[in-house]
PDB file of all heavy atoms in Angstrom:
ATOM      1  N   LYS A   1     -15.707  -9.079  11.506  1.00  0.00           N
ATOM      2  CA  LYS A   1     -14.281  -9.209  11.256  1.00  0.00           C
ATOM      3  C   LYS A   1     -13.929  -8.423   9.988  1.00  0.00           C
ATOM      4  O   LYS A   1     -14.800  -7.897   9.303  1.00  0.00           O
ATOM      5  CB  LYS A   1     -13.909 -10.684  11.090  1.00  0.00           C
ATOM      6  CG  LYS A   1     -14.059 -11.515  12.357  1.00  0.00           C
ATOM      7  CD  LYS A   1     -13.635 -12.956  12.128  1.00  0.00           C
ATOM      8  CE  LYS A   1     -13.700 -13.760  13.409  1.00  0.00           C
ATOM      9  NZ  LYS A   1     -13.272 -15.178  13.192  1.00  0.00           N
ATOM     10  N   ALA A   2     -12.621  -8.376   9.676  1.00  0.00           N
ATOM     11  CA  ALA A   2     -12.195  -7.646   8.484  1.00  0.00           C
ATOM     12  C   ALA A   2     -11.070  -8.389   7.787  1.00  0.00           C
ATOM     13  O   ALA A   2     -10.296  -9.126   8.404  1.00  0.00           O
ATOM     14  CB  ALA A   2     -11.724  -6.239   8.847  1.00  0.00           C
ATOM     15  N   MET A   3     -11.018  -8.176   6.477  1.00  0.00           N
ATOM     16  CA  MET A   3      -9.876  -8.642   5.696  1.00  0.00           C
ATOM     17  C   MET A   3      -9.398  -7.505   4.813  1.00  0.00           C
ATOM     18  O   MET A   3     -10.207  -6.809   4.183  1.00  0.00           O
ATOM     19  CB  MET A   3     -10.237  -9.843   4.833  1.00  0.00           C
ATOM     20  CG  MET A   3      -9.063 -10.265   3.953  1.00  0.00           C
ATOM     21  SD  MET A   3      -9.275 -11.828   3.136  1.00  0.00           S
ATOM     22  CE  MET A   3      -7.729 -11.892   2.196  1.00  0.00           C
ATOM     23  N   ILE A   4      -8.078  -7.317   4.763  1.00  0.00           N
ATOM     24  CA  ILE A   4      -7.478  -6.303   3.892  1.00  0.00           C
ATOM     25  C   ILE A   4      -6.714  -7.022   2.785  1.00  0.00           C
ATOM     26  O   ILE A   4      -5.871  -7.890   3.048  1.00  0.00           O
ATOM     27  CB  ILE A   4      -6.536  -5.377   4.685  1.00  0.00           C
ATOM     28  CG1 ILE A   4      -7.333  -4.586   5.728  1.00  0.00           C
ATOM     29  CG2 ILE A   4      -5.794  -4.428   3.756  1.00  0.00           C
ATOM     30  CD1 ILE A   4      -6.484  -3.719   6.637  1.00  0.00           C
ATOM     31  N   LEU A   5      -7.043  -6.668   1.547  1.00  0.00           N
ATOM     32  CA  LEU A   5      -6.409  -7.276   0.379  1.00  0.00           C
ATOM     33  C   LEU A   5      -5.104  -6.535   0.085  1.00  0.00           C
ATOM     34  O   LEU A   5      -5.117  -5.356  -0.260  1.00  0.00           O
ATOM     35  CB  LEU A   5      -7.350  -7.208  -0.825  1.00  0.00           C
ATOM     36  CG  LEU A   5      -8.731  -7.854  -0.611  1.00  0.00           C
ATOM     37  CD1 LEU A   5      -9.648  -7.549  -1.792  1.00  0.00           C
ATOM     38  CD2 LEU A   5      -8.592  -9.362  -0.414  1.00  0.00           C
ATOM     39  N   ALA A   6      -3.969  -7.220   0.216  1.00  0.00           N
ATOM     40  CA  ALA A   6      -2.670  -6.543   0.119  1.00  0.00           C
ATOM     41  C   ALA A   6      -1.635  -7.372  -0.626  1.00  0.00           C
ATOM     42  O   ALA A   6      -0.436  -7.202  -0.416  1.00  0.00           O
ATOM     43  CB  ALA A   6      -2.166  -6.217   1.527  1.00  0.00           C
ATOM     44  N   ALA A   7      -2.091  -8.253  -1.520  1.00  0.00           N
ATOM     45  CA  ALA A   7      -1.154  -9.168  -2.167  1.00  0.00           C
ATOM     46  C   ALA A   7      -0.706  -8.713  -3.552  1.00  0.00           C
ATOM     47  O   ALA A   7       0.187  -9.328  -4.137  1.00  0.00           O
ATOM     48  CB  ALA A   7      -1.766 -10.567  -2.266  1.00  0.00           C
ATOM     49  N   GLY A   8      -1.310  -7.663  -4.097  1.00  0.00           N
ATOM     50  CA  GLY A   8      -1.007  -7.267  -5.473  1.00  0.00           C
ATOM     51  C   GLY A   8       0.344  -6.590  -5.622  1.00  0.00           C
ATOM     52  O   GLY A   8       0.946  -6.116  -4.655  1.00  0.00           O
ATOM     53  N   LYS A   9       0.805  -6.515  -6.882  1.00  0.00           N
ATOM     54  CA  LYS A   9       2.098  -5.882  -7.172  1.00  0.00           C
ATOM     55  C   LYS A   9       1.993  -4.380  -7.352  1.00  0.00           C
ATOM     56  O   LYS A   9       2.997  -3.680  -7.286  1.00  0.00           O
ATOM     57  CB  LYS A   9       2.705  -6.497  -8.437  1.00  0.00           C
ATOM     58  CG  LYS A   9       3.378  -7.830  -8.200  1.00  0.00           C
ATOM     59  CD  LYS A   9       4.203  -8.224  -9.418  1.00  0.00           C
ATOM     60  CE  LYS A   9       5.030  -9.465  -9.128  1.00  0.00           C
ATOM     61  NZ  LYS A   9       5.889  -9.820 -10.289  1.00  0.00           N
ATOM     62  N   GLY A  10       0.806  -3.855  -7.631  1.00  0.00           N
ATOM     63  CA  GLY A  10       0.665  -2.413  -7.821  1.00  0.00           C
ATOM     64  C   GLY A  10       1.434  -1.904  -9.022  1.00  0.00           C
ATOM     65  O   GLY A  10       2.125  -0.885  -8.947  1.00  0.00           O
ATOM     66  N   THR A  11       1.299  -2.587 -10.153  1.00  0.00           N
ATOM     67  CA  THR A  11       2.096  -2.234 -11.334  1.00  0.00           C
ATOM     68  C   THR A  11       1.794  -0.829 -11.861  1.00  0.00           C
ATOM     69  O   THR A  11       2.677  -0.171 -12.426  1.00  0.00           O
ATOM     70  CB  THR A  11       1.862  -3.245 -12.470  1.00  0.00           C
ATOM     71  OG1 THR A  11       0.454  -3.353 -12.726  1.00  0.00           O
ATOM     72  CG2 THR A  11       2.393  -4.620 -12.080  1.00  0.00           C
ATOM     73  N   ARG A  12       0.579  -0.338 -11.646  1.00  0.00           N
ATOM     74  CA  ARG A  12       0.217   0.985 -12.162  1.00  0.00           C
ATOM     75  C   ARG A  12       0.786   2.116 -11.308  1.00  0.00           C
ATOM     76  O   ARG A  12       0.678   3.284 -11.667  1.00  0.00           O
ATOM     77  CB  ARG A  12      -1.308   1.114 -12.267  1.00  0.00           C
ATOM     78  CG  ARG A  12      -1.927   0.194 -13.320  1.00  0.00           C
ATOM     79  CD  ARG A  12      -3.437   0.223 -13.259  1.00  0.00           C
ATOM     80  NE  ARG A  12      -3.946   1.557 -13.503  1.00  0.00           N
ATOM     81  CZ  ARG A  12      -5.043   2.049 -12.945  1.00  0.00           C
ATOM     82  NH1 ARG A  12      -5.732   1.338 -12.083  1.00  0.00           N
ATOM     83  NH2 ARG A  12      -5.447   3.264 -13.230  1.00  0.00           N
ATOM     84  N   VAL A  13       1.386   1.770 -10.178  1.00  0.00           N
ATOM     85  CA  VAL A  13       1.951   2.791  -9.303  1.00  0.00           C
ATOM     86  C   VAL A  13       3.483   2.698  -9.284  1.00  0.00           C
ATOM     87  O   VAL A  13       4.135   3.233  -8.400  1.00  0.00           O
ATOM     88  CB  VAL A  13       1.371   2.682  -7.871  1.00  0.00           C
ATOM     89  CG1 VAL A  13       1.555   3.994  -7.115  1.00  0.00           C
ATOM     90  CG2 VAL A  13      -0.100   2.354  -7.893  1.00  0.00           C
ATOM     91  N   ARG A  14       4.042   2.000 -10.254  1.00  0.00           N
ATOM     92  CA  ARG A  14       5.497   2.010 -10.363  1.00  0.00           C
ATOM     93  C   ARG A  14       5.959   3.417 -10.753  1.00  0.00           C
ATOM     94  O   ARG A  14       5.252   4.118 -11.448  1.00  0.00           O
ATOM     95  CB  ARG A  14       5.936   1.010 -11.447  1.00  0.00           C
ATOM     96  CG  ARG A  14       5.738  -0.446 -11.036  1.00  0.00           C
ATOM     97  CD  ARG A  14       6.043  -1.377 -12.192  1.00  0.00           C
ATOM     98  NE  ARG A  14       5.926  -2.779 -11.770  1.00  0.00           N
ATOM     99  CZ  ARG A  14       5.894  -3.792 -12.619  1.00  0.00           C
ATOM    100  NH1 ARG A  14       5.968  -3.569 -13.925  1.00  0.00           N
ATOM    101  NH2 ARG A  14       5.785  -5.018 -12.173  1.00  0.00           N
ATOM    102  N   PRO A  15       7.110   3.867 -10.237  1.00  0.00           N
ATOM    103  CA  PRO A  15       8.170   3.118  -9.565  1.00  0.00           C
ATOM    104  C   PRO A  15       8.008   2.984  -8.060  1.00  0.00           C
ATOM    105  O   PRO A  15       8.848   2.374  -7.408  1.00  0.00           O
ATOM    106  CB  PRO A  15       9.400   3.951  -9.882  1.00  0.00           C
ATOM    107  CG  PRO A  15       8.880   5.350  -9.863  1.00  0.00           C
ATOM    108  CD  PRO A  15       7.517   5.269 -10.496  1.00  0.00           C
ATOM    109  N   LEU A  16       6.953   3.570  -7.483  1.00  0.00           N
ATOM    110  CA  LEU A  16       6.804   3.519  -6.017  1.00  0.00           C
ATOM    111  C   LEU A  16       6.796   2.081  -5.530  1.00  0.00           C
ATOM    112  O   LEU A  16       7.334   1.766  -4.462  1.00  0.00           O
ATOM    113  CB  LEU A  16       5.520   4.232  -5.586  1.00  0.00           C
ATOM    114  CG  LEU A  16       5.317   5.676  -6.064  1.00  0.00           C
ATOM    115  CD1 LEU A  16       4.049   6.243  -5.469  1.00  0.00           C
ATOM    116  CD2 LEU A  16       6.516   6.542  -5.704  1.00  0.00           C
ATOM    117  N   THR A  17       6.182   1.188  -6.319  1.00  0.00           N
ATOM    118  CA  THR A  17       6.044  -0.197  -5.882  1.00  0.00           C
ATOM    119  C   THR A  17       7.219  -1.081  -6.291  1.00  0.00           C
ATOM    120  O   THR A  17       7.168  -2.292  -6.110  1.00  0.00           O
ATOM    121  CB  THR A  17       4.723  -0.789  -6.405  1.00  0.00           C
ATOM    122  OG1 THR A  17       4.592  -0.504  -7.811  1.00  0.00           O
ATOM    123  CG2 THR A  17       3.543  -0.212  -5.662  1.00  0.00           C
ATOM    124  N   TYR A  18       8.291  -0.498  -6.827  1.00  0.00           N
ATOM    125  CA  TYR A  18       9.509  -1.288  -7.008  1.00  0.00           C
ATOM    126  C   TYR A  18      10.083  -1.666  -5.648  1.00  0.00           C
ATOM    127  O   TYR A  18      10.714  -2.713  -5.497  1.00  0.00           O
ATOM    128  CB  TYR A  18      10.558  -0.480  -7.784  1.00  0.00           C
ATOM    129  CG  TYR A  18      10.308  -0.400  -9.269  1.00  0.00           C
ATOM    130  CD1 TYR A  18      10.761   0.696  -9.997  1.00  0.00           C
ATOM    131  CD2 TYR A  18       9.640  -1.407  -9.953  1.00  0.00           C
ATOM    132  CE1 TYR A  18      10.550   0.781 -11.372  1.00  0.00           C
ATOM    133  CE2 TYR A  18       9.417  -1.330 -11.314  1.00  0.00           C
ATOM    134  CZ  TYR A  18       9.877  -0.233 -12.022  1.00  0.00           C
ATOM    135  OH  TYR A  18       9.656  -0.156 -13.376  1.00  0.00           O
ATOM    136  N   ASP A  19       9.855  -0.823  -4.671  1.00  0.00           N
ATOM    137  CA  ASP A  19      10.460  -1.038  -3.358  1.00  0.00           C
ATOM    138  C   ASP A  19       9.428  -1.104  -2.227  1.00  0.00           C
ATOM    139  O   ASP A  19       9.761  -1.422  -1.102  1.00  0.00           O
ATOM    140  CB  ASP A  19      11.466   0.089  -3.059  1.00  0.00           C
ATOM    141  CG  ASP A  19      12.359  -0.221  -1.873  1.00  0.00           C
ATOM    142  OD1 ASP A  19      13.034  -1.259  -1.909  1.00  0.00           O
ATOM    143  OD2 ASP A  19      12.368   0.568  -0.911  1.00  0.00           O
ATOM    144  N   LEU A  20       8.171  -0.790  -2.547  1.00  0.00           N
ATOM    145  CA  LEU A  20       7.108  -0.780  -1.546  1.00  0.00           C
ATOM    146  C   LEU A  20       5.906  -1.566  -2.048  1.00  0.00           C
ATOM    147  O   LEU A  20       5.505  -1.398  -3.205  1.00  0.00           O
ATOM    148  CB  LEU A  20       6.629   0.654  -1.276  1.00  0.00           C
ATOM    149  CG  LEU A  20       7.517   1.610  -0.498  1.00  0.00           C
ATOM    150  CD1 LEU A  20       6.893   2.992  -0.504  1.00  0.00           C
ATOM    151  CD2 LEU A  20       7.711   1.123   0.930  1.00  0.00           C
ATOM    152  N   PRO A  21       5.289  -2.414  -1.218  1.00  0.00           N
ATOM    153  CA  PRO A  21       3.979  -2.946  -1.599  1.00  0.00           C
ATOM    154  C   PRO A  21       2.975  -1.795  -1.586  1.00  0.00           C
ATOM    155  O   PRO A  21       3.115  -0.836  -0.814  1.00  0.00           O
ATOM    156  CB  PRO A  21       3.686  -3.980  -0.518  1.00  0.00           C
ATOM    157  CG  PRO A  21       4.547  -3.612   0.631  1.00  0.00           C
ATOM    158  CD  PRO A  21       5.741  -2.884   0.089  1.00  0.00           C
ATOM    159  N   LYS A  22       1.973  -1.879  -2.436  1.00  0.00           N
ATOM    160  CA  LYS A  22       1.069  -0.745  -2.612  1.00  0.00           C
ATOM    161  C   LYS A  22       0.436  -0.254  -1.310  1.00  0.00           C
ATOM    162  O   LYS A  22       0.327   0.959  -1.088  1.00  0.00           O
ATOM    163  CB  LYS A  22      -0.019  -1.111  -3.633  1.00  0.00           C
ATOM    164  CG  LYS A  22      -0.725   0.088  -4.233  1.00  0.00           C
ATOM    165  CD  LYS A  22      -1.667  -0.359  -5.337  1.00  0.00           C
ATOM    166  CE  LYS A  22      -2.427   0.820  -5.929  1.00  0.00           C
ATOM    167  NZ  LYS A  22      -3.447   0.385  -6.911  1.00  0.00           N
ATOM    168  N   PRO A  23       0.015  -1.134  -0.389  1.00  0.00           N
ATOM    169  CA  PRO A  23      -0.582  -0.634   0.863  1.00  0.00           C
ATOM    170  C   PRO A  23       0.383   0.155   1.743  1.00  0.00           C
ATOM    171  O   PRO A  23      -0.038   0.819   2.686  1.00  0.00           O
ATOM    172  CB  PRO A  23      -1.029  -1.918   1.575  1.00  0.00           C
ATOM    173  CG  PRO A  23      -1.207  -2.908   0.478  1.00  0.00           C
ATOM    174  CD  PRO A  23      -0.128  -2.591  -0.503  1.00  0.00           C
ATOM    175  N   MET A  24       1.689   0.091   1.434  1.00  0.00           N
ATOM    176  CA  MET A  24       2.676   0.819   2.231  1.00  0.00           C
ATOM    177  C   MET A  24       3.003   2.185   1.645  1.00  0.00           C
ATOM    178  O   MET A  24       3.823   2.924   2.199  1.00  0.00           O
ATOM    179  CB  MET A  24       3.972  -0.005   2.337  1.00  0.00           C
ATOM    180  CG  MET A  24       3.835  -1.270   3.161  1.00  0.00           C
ATOM    181  SD  MET A  24       3.413  -0.942   4.889  1.00  0.00           S
ATOM    182  CE  MET A  24       4.899  -0.111   5.438  1.00  0.00           C
ATOM    183  N   ILE A  25       2.381   2.557   0.521  1.00  0.00           N
ATOM    184  CA  ILE A  25       2.622   3.886  -0.041  1.00  0.00           C
ATOM    185  C   ILE A  25       2.154   4.940   0.963  1.00  0.00           C
ATOM    186  O   ILE A  25       1.038   4.859   1.474  1.00  0.00           O
ATOM    187  CB  ILE A  25       1.885   4.041  -1.382  1.00  0.00           C
ATOM    188  CG1 ILE A  25       2.533   3.136  -2.444  1.00  0.00           C
ATOM    189  CG2 ILE A  25       1.894   5.487  -1.862  1.00  0.00           C
ATOM    190  CD1 ILE A  25       1.811   3.119  -3.758  1.00  0.00           C
ATOM    191  N   PRO A  26       2.992   5.929   1.262  1.00  0.00           N
ATOM    192  CA  PRO A  26       2.659   6.871   2.335  1.00  0.00           C
ATOM    193  C   PRO A  26       1.798   8.049   1.876  1.00  0.00           C
ATOM    194  O   PRO A  26       1.972   8.584   0.788  1.00  0.00           O
ATOM    195  CB  PRO A  26       4.031   7.369   2.793  1.00  0.00           C
ATOM    196  CG  PRO A  26       4.883   7.287   1.555  1.00  0.00           C
ATOM    197  CD  PRO A  26       4.377   6.107   0.780  1.00  0.00           C
ATOM    198  N   ILE A  27       0.880   8.431   2.735  1.00  0.00           N
ATOM    199  CA  ILE A  27       0.139   9.687   2.627  1.00  0.00           C
ATOM    200  C   ILE A  27       0.429  10.455   3.915  1.00  0.00           C
ATOM    201  O   ILE A  27       0.203   9.934   5.013  1.00  0.00           O
ATOM    202  CB  ILE A  27      -1.388   9.463   2.494  1.00  0.00           C
ATOM    203  CG1 ILE A  27      -1.705   8.627   1.246  1.00  0.00           C
ATOM    204  CG2 ILE A  27      -2.119  10.793   2.458  1.00  0.00           C
ATOM    205  CD1 ILE A  27      -1.453   9.324  -0.063  1.00  0.00           C
ATOM    206  N   LEU A  28       0.953  11.660   3.808  1.00  0.00           N
ATOM    207  CA  LEU A  28       1.390  12.424   4.976  1.00  0.00           C
ATOM    208  C   LEU A  28       2.329  11.597   5.843  1.00  0.00           C
ATOM    209  O   LEU A  28       2.279  11.624   7.073  1.00  0.00           O
ATOM    210  CB  LEU A  28       0.189  12.915   5.798  1.00  0.00           C
ATOM    211  CG  LEU A  28      -0.752  13.898   5.104  1.00  0.00           C
ATOM    212  CD1 LEU A  28      -1.825  14.376   6.079  1.00  0.00           C
ATOM    213  CD2 LEU A  28      -0.005  15.093   4.519  1.00  0.00           C
ATOM    214  N   GLY A  29       3.203  10.836   5.172  1.00  0.00           N
ATOM    215  CA  GLY A  29       4.230  10.102   5.883  1.00  0.00           C
ATOM    216  C   GLY A  29       3.781   8.810   6.539  1.00  0.00           C
ATOM    217  O   GLY A  29       4.576   8.166   7.224  1.00  0.00           O
ATOM    218  N   LYS A  30       2.514   8.411   6.344  1.00  0.00           N
ATOM    219  CA  LYS A  30       2.007   7.196   6.985  1.00  0.00           C
ATOM    220  C   LYS A  30       1.408   6.272   5.922  1.00  0.00           C
ATOM    221  O   LYS A  30       0.705   6.733   5.027  1.00  0.00           O
ATOM    222  CB  LYS A  30       0.942   7.589   8.024  1.00  0.00           C
ATOM    223  CG  LYS A  30       0.427   6.421   8.838  1.00  0.00           C
ATOM    224  CD  LYS A  30      -0.284   6.895  10.097  1.00  0.00           C
ATOM    225  CE  LYS A  30      -1.609   7.568   9.804  1.00  0.00           C
ATOM    226  NZ  LYS A  30      -2.343   7.912  11.033  1.00  0.00           N
ATOM    227  N   PRO A  31       1.681   4.953   5.984  1.00  0.00           N
ATOM    228  CA  PRO A  31       1.154   4.044   4.967  1.00  0.00           C
ATOM    229  C   PRO A  31      -0.366   4.091   4.872  1.00  0.00           C
ATOM    230  O   PRO A  31      -1.066   4.227   5.884  1.00  0.00           O
ATOM    231  CB  PRO A  31       1.619   2.666   5.455  1.00  0.00           C
ATOM    232  CG  PRO A  31       2.797   2.940   6.308  1.00  0.00           C
ATOM    233  CD  PRO A  31       2.528   4.259   6.975  1.00  0.00           C
ATOM    234  N   VAL A  32      -0.862   3.946   3.647  1.00  0.00           N
ATOM    235  CA  VAL A  32      -2.304   3.942   3.425  1.00  0.00           C
ATOM    236  C   VAL A  32      -2.981   2.897   4.319  1.00  0.00           C
ATOM    237  O   VAL A  32      -4.038   3.141   4.902  1.00  0.00           O
ATOM    238  CB  VAL A  32      -2.618   3.649   1.939  1.00  0.00           C
ATOM    239  CG1 VAL A  32      -4.118   3.467   1.729  1.00  0.00           C
ATOM    240  CG2 VAL A  32      -2.107   4.769   1.057  1.00  0.00           C
ATOM    241  N   MET A  33      -2.379   1.732   4.425  1.00  0.00           N
ATOM    242  CA  MET A  33      -2.995   0.644   5.198  1.00  0.00           C
ATOM    243  C   MET A  33      -3.116   0.989   6.672  1.00  0.00           C
ATOM    244  O   MET A  33      -4.028   0.510   7.360  1.00  0.00           O
ATOM    245  CB  MET A  33      -2.200  -0.645   5.008  1.00  0.00           C
ATOM    246  CG  MET A  33      -2.879  -1.883   5.563  1.00  0.00           C
ATOM    247  SD  MET A  33      -2.035  -3.383   5.030  1.00  0.00           S
ATOM    248  CE  MET A  33      -1.931  -4.241   6.593  1.00  0.00           C
ATOM    249  N   ALA A  34      -2.238   1.826   7.187  1.00  0.00           N
ATOM    250  CA  ALA A  34      -2.330   2.232   8.590  1.00  0.00           C
ATOM    251  C   ALA A  34      -3.626   3.004   8.840  1.00  0.00           C
ATOM    252  O   ALA A  34      -4.272   2.834   9.881  1.00  0.00           O
ATOM    253  CB  ALA A  34      -1.123   3.076   8.981  1.00  0.00           C
ATOM    254  N   TYR A  35      -3.998   3.870   7.890  1.00  0.00           N
ATOM    255  CA  TYR A  35      -5.260   4.601   8.025  1.00  0.00           C
ATOM    256  C   TYR A  35      -6.442   3.628   8.043  1.00  0.00           C
ATOM    257  O   TYR A  35      -7.408   3.822   8.800  1.00  0.00           O
ATOM    258  CB  TYR A  35      -5.433   5.594   6.877  1.00  0.00           C
ATOM    259  CG  TYR A  35      -4.478   6.762   6.899  1.00  0.00           C
ATOM    260  CD1 TYR A  35      -3.397   6.815   6.037  1.00  0.00           C
ATOM    261  CD2 TYR A  35      -4.652   7.829   7.780  1.00  0.00           C
ATOM    262  CE1 TYR A  35      -2.508   7.896   6.038  1.00  0.00           C
ATOM    263  CE2 TYR A  35      -3.781   8.912   7.795  1.00  0.00           C
ATOM    264  CZ  TYR A  35      -2.710   8.933   6.925  1.00  0.00           C
ATOM    265  OH  TYR A  35      -1.850  10.001   6.942  1.00  0.00           O
ATOM    266  N   LEU A  36      -6.384   2.591   7.209  1.00  0.00           N
ATOM    267  CA  LEU A  36      -7.472   1.609   7.168  1.00  0.00           C
ATOM    268  C   LEU A  36      -7.611   0.884   8.501  1.00  0.00           C
ATOM    269  O   LEU A  36      -8.724   0.709   9.019  1.00  0.00           O
ATOM    270  CB  LEU A  36      -7.219   0.587   6.062  1.00  0.00           C
ATOM    271  CG  LEU A  36      -7.485   1.017   4.626  1.00  0.00           C
ATOM    272  CD1 LEU A  36      -7.086  -0.109   3.671  1.00  0.00           C
ATOM    273  CD2 LEU A  36      -8.951   1.375   4.416  1.00  0.00           C
ATOM    274  N   ILE A  37      -6.488   0.465   9.056  1.00  0.00           N
ATOM    275  CA  ILE A  37      -6.531  -0.266  10.325  1.00  0.00           C
ATOM    276  C   ILE A  37      -7.054   0.632  11.446  1.00  0.00           C
ATOM    277  O   ILE A  37      -7.876   0.207  12.273  1.00  0.00           O
ATOM    278  CB  ILE A  37      -5.136  -0.830  10.659  1.00  0.00           C
ATOM    279  CG1 ILE A  37      -4.780  -1.938   9.653  1.00  0.00           C
ATOM    280  CG2 ILE A  37      -5.088  -1.359  12.090  1.00  0.00           C
ATOM    281  CD1 ILE A  37      -3.362  -2.426   9.747  1.00  0.00           C
TER     282      ILE A  37
END
């Protein structure tokens, strides 16, 4: 099975995380977490 840790605020990646949780930050237009899944 798998668990993805996605509860943090991502303070070091502000301002991106003012409006996005860190796993939703896009790379080539797709959230980082999508690549993991």
